[in-house]
N, C-alpha and C. Protein backbone atom coordinates (compact mmCIF):
# COMPACT_ATOMS: atom_id res chain seq x y z
N UNK A 1 10.55 4.44 21.39
CA UNK A 1 9.14 4.43 21.05
C UNK A 1 8.98 4.02 19.59
N UNK A 2 8.32 4.82 18.77
CA UNK A 2 8.02 4.46 17.38
C UNK A 2 9.28 4.36 16.53
N UNK A 3 10.35 5.00 16.93
CA UNK A 3 11.57 4.97 16.12
C UNK A 3 12.20 3.59 16.08
N UNK A 4 11.85 2.71 17.00
CA UNK A 4 12.42 1.37 17.01
C UNK A 4 11.69 0.41 16.09
N UNK A 5 10.54 0.81 15.55
CA UNK A 5 9.79 -0.04 14.64
C UNK A 5 10.21 0.23 13.21
N UNK A 6 10.16 -0.82 12.39
CA UNK A 6 10.49 -0.69 10.97
C UNK A 6 9.30 -1.16 10.15
N UNK A 7 9.32 -0.81 8.87
CA UNK A 7 8.20 -1.16 8.00
C UNK A 7 7.93 -2.65 7.98
N UNK A 8 8.97 -3.47 8.06
CA UNK A 8 8.75 -4.91 8.00
C UNK A 8 8.06 -5.44 9.25
N UNK A 9 8.04 -4.66 10.35
CA UNK A 9 7.32 -5.06 11.55
C UNK A 9 5.82 -4.92 11.39
N UNK A 10 5.38 -4.01 10.53
CA UNK A 10 3.96 -3.69 10.41
C UNK A 10 3.41 -3.76 8.99
N UNK A 11 4.19 -4.26 8.05
CA UNK A 11 3.70 -4.33 6.68
C UNK A 11 2.70 -5.46 6.50
N UNK A 12 1.84 -5.30 5.55
CA UNK A 12 0.93 -6.35 5.14
C UNK A 12 1.67 -7.21 4.13
N UNK A 13 1.75 -8.52 4.40
CA UNK A 13 2.48 -9.41 3.49
C UNK A 13 1.57 -10.01 2.42
N UNK A 14 0.26 -9.82 2.54
CA UNK A 14 -0.68 -10.32 1.55
C UNK A 14 -1.65 -9.22 1.09
N UNK A 15 -1.12 -8.08 0.64
CA UNK A 15 -2.03 -7.02 0.18
C UNK A 15 -2.62 -7.37 -1.18
N UNK A 16 -3.58 -6.58 -1.60
CA UNK A 16 -4.18 -6.75 -2.91
C UNK A 16 -3.14 -6.41 -3.98
N UNK A 17 -2.90 -7.34 -4.89
CA UNK A 17 -1.99 -7.11 -6.01
C UNK A 17 -2.66 -7.56 -7.30
N UNK A 18 -2.15 -7.04 -8.40
CA UNK A 18 -2.67 -7.37 -9.71
C UNK A 18 -1.51 -7.57 -10.68
N UNK A 19 -1.83 -8.11 -11.83
CA UNK A 19 -0.90 -8.12 -12.95
C UNK A 19 -1.43 -7.11 -13.97
N UNK A 20 -0.59 -6.69 -14.89
CA UNK A 20 -1.00 -5.69 -15.88
C UNK A 20 -2.13 -6.22 -16.77
N UNK A 21 -2.21 -7.53 -16.94
CA UNK A 21 -3.24 -8.08 -17.83
C UNK A 21 -4.54 -8.44 -17.11
N UNK A 22 -4.66 -8.09 -15.82
CA UNK A 22 -5.93 -8.29 -15.10
C UNK A 22 -7.00 -7.40 -15.73
N UNK A 23 -8.18 -7.95 -15.98
CA UNK A 23 -9.28 -7.17 -16.51
C UNK A 23 -9.62 -6.06 -15.51
N UNK A 24 -9.82 -4.87 -16.01
CA UNK A 24 -10.06 -3.70 -15.14
C UNK A 24 -11.31 -3.87 -14.30
N UNK A 25 -12.34 -4.52 -14.85
CA UNK A 25 -13.57 -4.71 -14.08
C UNK A 25 -13.38 -5.77 -13.00
N UNK A 26 -12.52 -6.75 -13.24
CA UNK A 26 -12.16 -7.71 -12.19
C UNK A 26 -11.40 -6.99 -11.07
N UNK A 27 -10.52 -6.08 -11.46
CA UNK A 27 -9.76 -5.32 -10.46
C UNK A 27 -10.70 -4.46 -9.61
N UNK A 28 -11.67 -3.82 -10.25
CA UNK A 28 -12.64 -3.01 -9.51
C UNK A 28 -13.38 -3.89 -8.50
N UNK A 29 -13.79 -5.06 -8.94
CA UNK A 29 -14.49 -6.00 -8.06
C UNK A 29 -13.62 -6.35 -6.85
N UNK A 30 -12.35 -6.65 -7.07
CA UNK A 30 -11.44 -7.02 -5.98
C UNK A 30 -11.25 -5.86 -5.02
N UNK A 31 -11.06 -4.64 -5.54
CA UNK A 31 -10.89 -3.47 -4.67
C UNK A 31 -12.13 -3.27 -3.79
N UNK A 32 -13.30 -3.41 -4.39
CA UNK A 32 -14.54 -3.25 -3.61
C UNK A 32 -14.70 -4.37 -2.60
N UNK A 33 -14.41 -5.58 -3.02
CA UNK A 33 -14.55 -6.74 -2.14
C UNK A 33 -13.63 -6.62 -0.91
N UNK A 34 -12.41 -6.15 -1.12
CA UNK A 34 -11.44 -6.05 -0.03
C UNK A 34 -11.49 -4.69 0.69
N UNK A 35 -12.35 -3.80 0.20
CA UNK A 35 -12.52 -2.48 0.80
C UNK A 35 -11.20 -1.71 0.91
N UNK A 36 -10.45 -1.71 -0.21
CA UNK A 36 -9.20 -0.96 -0.29
C UNK A 36 -9.28 0.01 -1.46
N UNK A 37 -8.45 1.04 -1.41
CA UNK A 37 -8.52 2.08 -2.43
C UNK A 37 -7.52 1.89 -3.57
N UNK A 38 -6.74 0.82 -3.53
CA UNK A 38 -5.79 0.58 -4.60
C UNK A 38 -4.98 -0.67 -4.36
N UNK A 39 -4.20 -1.02 -5.38
CA UNK A 39 -3.35 -2.20 -5.28
C UNK A 39 -2.08 -2.02 -6.08
N UNK A 40 -1.11 -2.85 -5.76
CA UNK A 40 0.18 -2.85 -6.44
C UNK A 40 0.10 -3.77 -7.66
N UNK A 41 0.73 -3.35 -8.75
CA UNK A 41 0.76 -4.15 -9.97
C UNK A 41 2.15 -4.75 -10.10
N UNK A 42 2.21 -6.06 -10.25
CA UNK A 42 3.48 -6.80 -10.29
C UNK A 42 3.66 -7.51 -11.62
N UNK A 43 4.92 -7.68 -12.02
CA UNK A 43 5.21 -8.49 -13.19
C UNK A 43 5.48 -9.93 -12.76
N UNK A 44 5.84 -10.76 -13.72
CA UNK A 44 6.07 -12.19 -13.44
C UNK A 44 7.28 -12.43 -12.55
N UNK A 45 8.15 -11.43 -12.39
CA UNK A 45 9.33 -11.54 -11.53
C UNK A 45 9.10 -10.95 -10.13
N UNK A 46 7.83 -10.65 -9.82
CA UNK A 46 7.45 -10.06 -8.53
C UNK A 46 8.06 -8.68 -8.31
N UNK A 47 8.21 -7.94 -9.41
CA UNK A 47 8.71 -6.57 -9.36
C UNK A 47 7.53 -5.62 -9.54
N UNK A 48 7.59 -4.49 -8.85
CA UNK A 48 6.53 -3.48 -8.94
C UNK A 48 6.64 -2.77 -10.28
N UNK A 49 5.55 -2.81 -11.07
CA UNK A 49 5.55 -2.12 -12.36
C UNK A 49 4.50 -1.02 -12.42
N UNK A 50 3.66 -0.93 -11.38
CA UNK A 50 2.66 0.11 -11.35
C UNK A 50 1.78 0.01 -10.13
N UNK A 51 0.87 0.95 -10.03
CA UNK A 51 -0.17 0.92 -9.00
C UNK A 51 -1.48 1.28 -9.66
N UNK A 52 -2.55 0.68 -9.16
CA UNK A 52 -3.88 0.98 -9.67
C UNK A 52 -4.71 1.49 -8.49
N UNK A 53 -5.37 2.60 -8.68
CA UNK A 53 -6.15 3.21 -7.60
C UNK A 53 -7.62 3.29 -8.01
N UNK A 54 -8.44 3.65 -7.02
CA UNK A 54 -9.85 3.87 -7.33
C UNK A 54 -10.01 4.95 -8.39
N UNK A 55 -9.16 5.97 -8.33
CA UNK A 55 -9.24 7.06 -9.32
C UNK A 55 -8.92 6.55 -10.72
N UNK A 56 -7.94 5.66 -10.81
CA UNK A 56 -7.62 5.04 -12.11
C UNK A 56 -8.81 4.24 -12.62
N UNK A 57 -9.49 3.55 -11.71
CA UNK A 57 -10.66 2.75 -12.08
C UNK A 57 -11.81 3.66 -12.52
N UNK A 58 -11.93 4.83 -11.87
CA UNK A 58 -12.96 5.77 -12.31
C UNK A 58 -12.70 6.23 -13.75
N UNK A 59 -11.43 6.43 -14.08
CA UNK A 59 -11.08 6.78 -15.47
C UNK A 59 -11.54 5.69 -16.42
N UNK A 60 -11.38 4.44 -16.02
CA UNK A 60 -11.80 3.32 -16.88
C UNK A 60 -13.31 3.32 -17.06
N UNK A 61 -14.04 3.62 -16.00
CA UNK A 61 -15.50 3.66 -16.09
C UNK A 61 -15.95 4.81 -17.00
N UNK A 62 -15.35 5.98 -16.82
CA UNK A 62 -15.69 7.12 -17.67
C UNK A 62 -15.36 6.80 -19.13
N UNK A 63 -14.20 6.21 -19.34
CA UNK A 63 -13.79 5.83 -20.70
C UNK A 63 -14.82 4.88 -21.33
N UNK A 64 -15.26 3.91 -20.55
CA UNK A 64 -16.25 2.96 -21.05
C UNK A 64 -17.58 3.63 -21.31
N UNK A 65 -18.03 4.47 -20.39
CA UNK A 65 -19.34 5.12 -20.53
C UNK A 65 -19.34 6.18 -21.63
N UNK A 66 -18.29 6.98 -21.66
CA UNK A 66 -18.25 8.10 -22.59
C UNK A 66 -18.00 7.65 -24.02
N UNK A 67 -17.05 6.75 -24.18
CA UNK A 67 -16.67 6.32 -25.52
C UNK A 67 -17.37 5.03 -25.95
N UNK A 68 -18.15 4.46 -25.05
CA UNK A 68 -18.86 3.21 -25.32
C UNK A 68 -17.91 2.11 -25.76
N UNK A 69 -16.72 2.16 -25.23
CA UNK A 69 -15.73 1.12 -25.50
C UNK A 69 -15.56 0.31 -24.22
N UNK A 70 -15.53 -0.98 -24.34
CA UNK A 70 -15.51 -1.85 -23.17
C UNK A 70 -14.16 -1.96 -22.50
N UNK A 71 -14.14 -1.69 -21.24
CA UNK A 71 -13.07 -1.99 -20.30
C UNK A 71 -11.64 -1.82 -20.73
N UNK A 72 -10.91 -2.88 -20.58
CA UNK A 72 -9.48 -2.88 -20.80
C UNK A 72 -8.81 -3.65 -19.66
N UNK A 73 -7.55 -3.44 -19.52
CA UNK A 73 -6.80 -4.13 -18.48
C UNK A 73 -6.26 -3.14 -17.46
N UNK A 74 -5.80 -3.67 -16.35
CA UNK A 74 -5.15 -2.83 -15.34
C UNK A 74 -4.00 -2.07 -15.98
N UNK A 75 -3.26 -2.73 -16.87
CA UNK A 75 -2.13 -2.10 -17.56
C UNK A 75 -2.52 -0.88 -18.38
N UNK A 76 -3.77 -0.85 -18.84
CA UNK A 76 -4.25 0.29 -19.62
C UNK A 76 -4.48 1.54 -18.77
N UNK A 77 -4.71 1.35 -17.47
CA UNK A 77 -5.13 2.46 -16.62
C UNK A 77 -4.23 2.72 -15.41
N UNK A 78 -3.30 1.82 -15.12
CA UNK A 78 -2.46 1.95 -13.92
C UNK A 78 -1.48 3.11 -14.05
N UNK A 79 -1.03 3.58 -12.90
CA UNK A 79 0.01 4.61 -12.84
C UNK A 79 1.36 3.92 -12.93
N UNK A 80 2.18 4.37 -13.86
CA UNK A 80 3.50 3.74 -14.04
C UNK A 80 4.65 4.74 -13.92
N UNK A 81 4.34 5.99 -13.65
CA UNK A 81 5.39 7.00 -13.53
C UNK A 81 6.31 6.71 -12.37
N UNK A 82 6.79 7.73 -11.72
CA UNK A 82 7.64 7.56 -10.55
C UNK A 82 6.86 6.84 -9.46
N UNK A 83 7.08 5.56 -9.33
CA UNK A 83 6.37 4.79 -8.32
C UNK A 83 7.15 4.90 -7.02
N UNK A 84 6.49 5.39 -6.01
CA UNK A 84 7.10 5.53 -4.69
C UNK A 84 7.00 4.20 -3.97
N UNK A 85 8.08 3.78 -3.34
CA UNK A 85 8.06 2.56 -2.54
C UNK A 85 8.97 2.73 -1.35
N UNK A 86 8.84 1.82 -0.41
CA UNK A 86 9.68 1.81 0.79
C UNK A 86 10.65 0.66 0.71
N UNK A 87 11.81 0.85 1.29
CA UNK A 87 12.74 -0.25 1.46
C UNK A 87 12.30 -1.08 2.65
N UNK A 88 12.70 -2.32 2.67
CA UNK A 88 12.27 -3.31 3.66
C UNK A 88 12.49 -2.85 5.09
N UNK A 89 13.63 -2.27 5.42
CA UNK A 89 13.94 -1.91 6.79
C UNK A 89 13.86 -0.40 7.04
N UNK A 90 12.87 0.26 6.47
CA UNK A 90 12.68 1.69 6.70
C UNK A 90 12.03 1.89 8.06
N UNK A 91 12.50 2.88 8.83
CA UNK A 91 11.85 3.15 10.11
C UNK A 91 10.45 3.69 9.85
N UNK A 92 9.55 3.43 10.77
CA UNK A 92 8.17 3.89 10.57
C UNK A 92 8.07 5.40 10.60
N UNK A 93 8.97 6.07 11.31
CA UNK A 93 8.99 7.54 11.29
C UNK A 93 9.32 8.02 9.88
N UNK A 94 10.35 7.41 9.26
CA UNK A 94 10.70 7.79 7.88
C UNK A 94 9.58 7.42 6.92
N UNK A 95 8.93 6.28 7.15
CA UNK A 95 7.81 5.87 6.30
C UNK A 95 6.67 6.88 6.39
N UNK A 96 6.34 7.28 7.62
CA UNK A 96 5.27 8.27 7.82
C UNK A 96 5.62 9.58 7.13
N UNK A 97 6.87 10.00 7.26
CA UNK A 97 7.30 11.25 6.62
C UNK A 97 7.19 11.16 5.10
N UNK A 98 7.57 10.02 4.55
CA UNK A 98 7.49 9.83 3.11
C UNK A 98 6.04 9.84 2.64
N UNK A 99 5.16 9.24 3.41
CA UNK A 99 3.74 9.24 3.06
C UNK A 99 3.19 10.67 3.09
N UNK A 100 3.57 11.42 4.10
CA UNK A 100 3.13 12.82 4.18
C UNK A 100 3.67 13.65 3.02
N UNK A 101 4.93 13.43 2.66
CA UNK A 101 5.54 14.20 1.59
C UNK A 101 4.94 13.88 0.22
N UNK A 102 4.56 12.61 0.02
CA UNK A 102 4.05 12.20 -1.29
C UNK A 102 2.53 12.23 -1.38
N UNK A 103 1.86 12.22 -0.23
CA UNK A 103 0.41 12.17 -0.23
C UNK A 103 -0.15 10.78 -0.44
N UNK A 104 0.70 9.76 -0.42
CA UNK A 104 0.24 8.37 -0.60
C UNK A 104 -0.14 7.77 0.75
N UNK A 105 -1.27 7.09 0.78
CA UNK A 105 -1.73 6.43 2.01
C UNK A 105 -1.15 5.05 2.19
N UNK A 106 -0.63 4.49 1.13
CA UNK A 106 0.00 3.17 1.20
C UNK A 106 1.10 3.10 0.17
N UNK A 107 2.12 2.29 0.46
CA UNK A 107 3.24 2.16 -0.47
C UNK A 107 3.74 0.72 -0.47
N UNK A 108 4.15 0.25 -1.64
CA UNK A 108 4.76 -1.08 -1.70
C UNK A 108 6.11 -1.07 -0.98
N UNK A 109 6.47 -2.22 -0.45
CA UNK A 109 7.78 -2.41 0.18
C UNK A 109 8.56 -3.39 -0.68
N UNK A 110 9.80 -3.04 -1.00
CA UNK A 110 10.63 -3.90 -1.81
C UNK A 110 11.92 -4.24 -1.06
N UNK A 111 12.43 -5.43 -1.37
CA UNK A 111 13.73 -5.85 -0.86
C UNK A 111 14.48 -6.47 -2.03
N UNK A 112 15.65 -5.95 -2.31
CA UNK A 112 16.45 -6.41 -3.45
C UNK A 112 15.65 -6.34 -4.76
N UNK A 113 14.83 -5.28 -4.90
CA UNK A 113 14.07 -5.06 -6.12
C UNK A 113 12.79 -5.88 -6.24
N UNK A 114 12.50 -6.72 -5.26
CA UNK A 114 11.31 -7.58 -5.32
C UNK A 114 10.27 -7.12 -4.30
N UNK A 115 9.03 -7.20 -4.69
CA UNK A 115 7.91 -6.83 -3.82
C UNK A 115 7.79 -7.82 -2.67
N UNK A 116 7.73 -7.30 -1.43
CA UNK A 116 7.60 -8.18 -0.27
C UNK A 116 6.38 -7.83 0.58
N UNK A 117 5.74 -6.70 0.33
CA UNK A 117 4.58 -6.32 1.12
C UNK A 117 4.20 -4.88 0.90
N UNK A 118 3.37 -4.38 1.79
CA UNK A 118 2.87 -3.02 1.66
C UNK A 118 2.73 -2.41 3.05
N UNK A 119 3.02 -1.14 3.15
CA UNK A 119 2.82 -0.40 4.40
C UNK A 119 1.75 0.66 4.15
N UNK A 120 0.90 0.85 5.12
CA UNK A 120 -0.16 1.84 4.97
C UNK A 120 -0.12 2.82 6.14
N UNK A 121 -0.77 3.94 5.96
CA UNK A 121 -0.88 4.92 7.04
C UNK A 121 -1.56 4.27 8.24
N UNK A 122 -2.53 3.42 8.00
CA UNK A 122 -3.23 2.74 9.09
C UNK A 122 -2.25 1.85 9.87
N UNK A 123 -1.33 1.18 9.18
CA UNK A 123 -0.33 0.34 9.85
C UNK A 123 0.58 1.18 10.73
N UNK A 124 0.97 2.35 10.25
CA UNK A 124 1.82 3.24 11.04
C UNK A 124 1.07 3.71 12.27
N UNK A 125 -0.21 4.03 12.12
CA UNK A 125 -1.02 4.44 13.26
C UNK A 125 -1.13 3.29 14.28
N UNK A 126 -1.28 2.07 13.79
CA UNK A 126 -1.35 0.91 14.67
C UNK A 126 -0.05 0.74 15.44
N UNK A 127 1.07 0.94 14.77
CA UNK A 127 2.38 0.84 15.43
C UNK A 127 2.49 1.88 16.54
N UNK A 128 2.03 3.09 16.26
CA UNK A 128 2.05 4.15 17.26
C UNK A 128 1.20 3.77 18.46
N UNK A 129 0.00 3.27 18.20
CA UNK A 129 -0.89 2.83 19.27
C UNK A 129 -0.23 1.73 20.09
N UNK A 130 0.37 0.75 19.42
CA UNK A 130 1.05 -0.35 20.10
C UNK A 130 2.20 0.15 20.97
N UNK A 131 2.95 1.13 20.44
CA UNK A 131 4.08 1.65 21.21
C UNK A 131 3.60 2.41 22.45
N UNK A 132 2.46 3.09 22.35
CA UNK A 132 1.88 3.78 23.51
C UNK A 132 1.40 2.78 24.55
N UNK A 133 0.77 1.72 24.08
CA UNK A 133 0.29 0.68 24.99
C UNK A 133 1.46 0.03 25.72
N UNK A 134 2.53 -0.27 24.96
CA UNK A 134 3.73 -0.86 25.56
C UNK A 134 4.35 0.12 26.57
N UNK A 135 4.39 1.39 26.21
CA UNK A 135 4.95 2.41 27.11
C UNK A 135 4.13 2.51 28.39
N UNK A 136 2.80 2.51 28.26
CA UNK A 136 1.92 2.59 29.43
C UNK A 136 2.10 1.37 30.33
N UNK A 137 2.24 0.18 29.73
CA UNK A 137 2.44 -1.04 30.51
C UNK A 137 3.74 -0.98 31.28
N UNK A 138 4.80 -0.47 30.65
CA UNK A 138 6.10 -0.34 31.31
C UNK A 138 6.01 0.63 32.45
N UNK A 139 5.33 1.76 32.25
CA UNK A 139 5.17 2.74 33.33
C UNK A 139 4.38 2.15 34.49
N UNK A 140 3.34 1.33 34.21
CA UNK A 140 2.57 0.68 35.26
C UNK A 140 3.45 -0.25 36.09
N UNK A 141 4.35 -0.98 35.41
CA UNK A 141 5.25 -1.89 36.12
C UNK A 141 6.19 -1.11 37.03
N UNK A 142 6.70 0.01 36.56
CA UNK A 142 7.61 0.84 37.35
C UNK A 142 6.87 1.43 38.55
N UNK A 143 5.63 1.88 38.34
CA UNK A 143 4.84 2.49 39.40
C UNK A 143 4.48 1.47 40.48
N UNK A 144 4.26 0.21 40.08
CA UNK A 144 3.85 -0.83 41.02
C UNK A 144 5.02 -1.49 41.74
N UNK A 145 6.23 -1.03 41.55
CA UNK A 145 7.40 -1.63 42.21
C UNK A 145 7.51 -1.18 43.64
């Protein structure tokens, strides 16, 4: 069932990404336009250097409103601490467990240190749904024999 699926089967290969020098207000616009709650921040070598979330963007807005200082860059507000990521061939069960343990709804996927995509809780749910549909179809074939 779901144990046979891996992150690379269900990852998004074109998720929202930014560079550290992206203007924070441009990043907010992109997040709103794509209806996502965050994005991965990459360097020129396609390596993950941070993540920017809606909460990070709220900090930027408060900073601008409270201190009357204009904006900044994604690099000024992104999270750069222990960045959680998945390896390319992680099972979706392990991915789901890692998301539950960390509280992250989405995580970058790396292969050989390079960003290759992103897995989200929604993608894992889709995989589960697909595996149930496949299982039901197989049972129907067995029943109709």
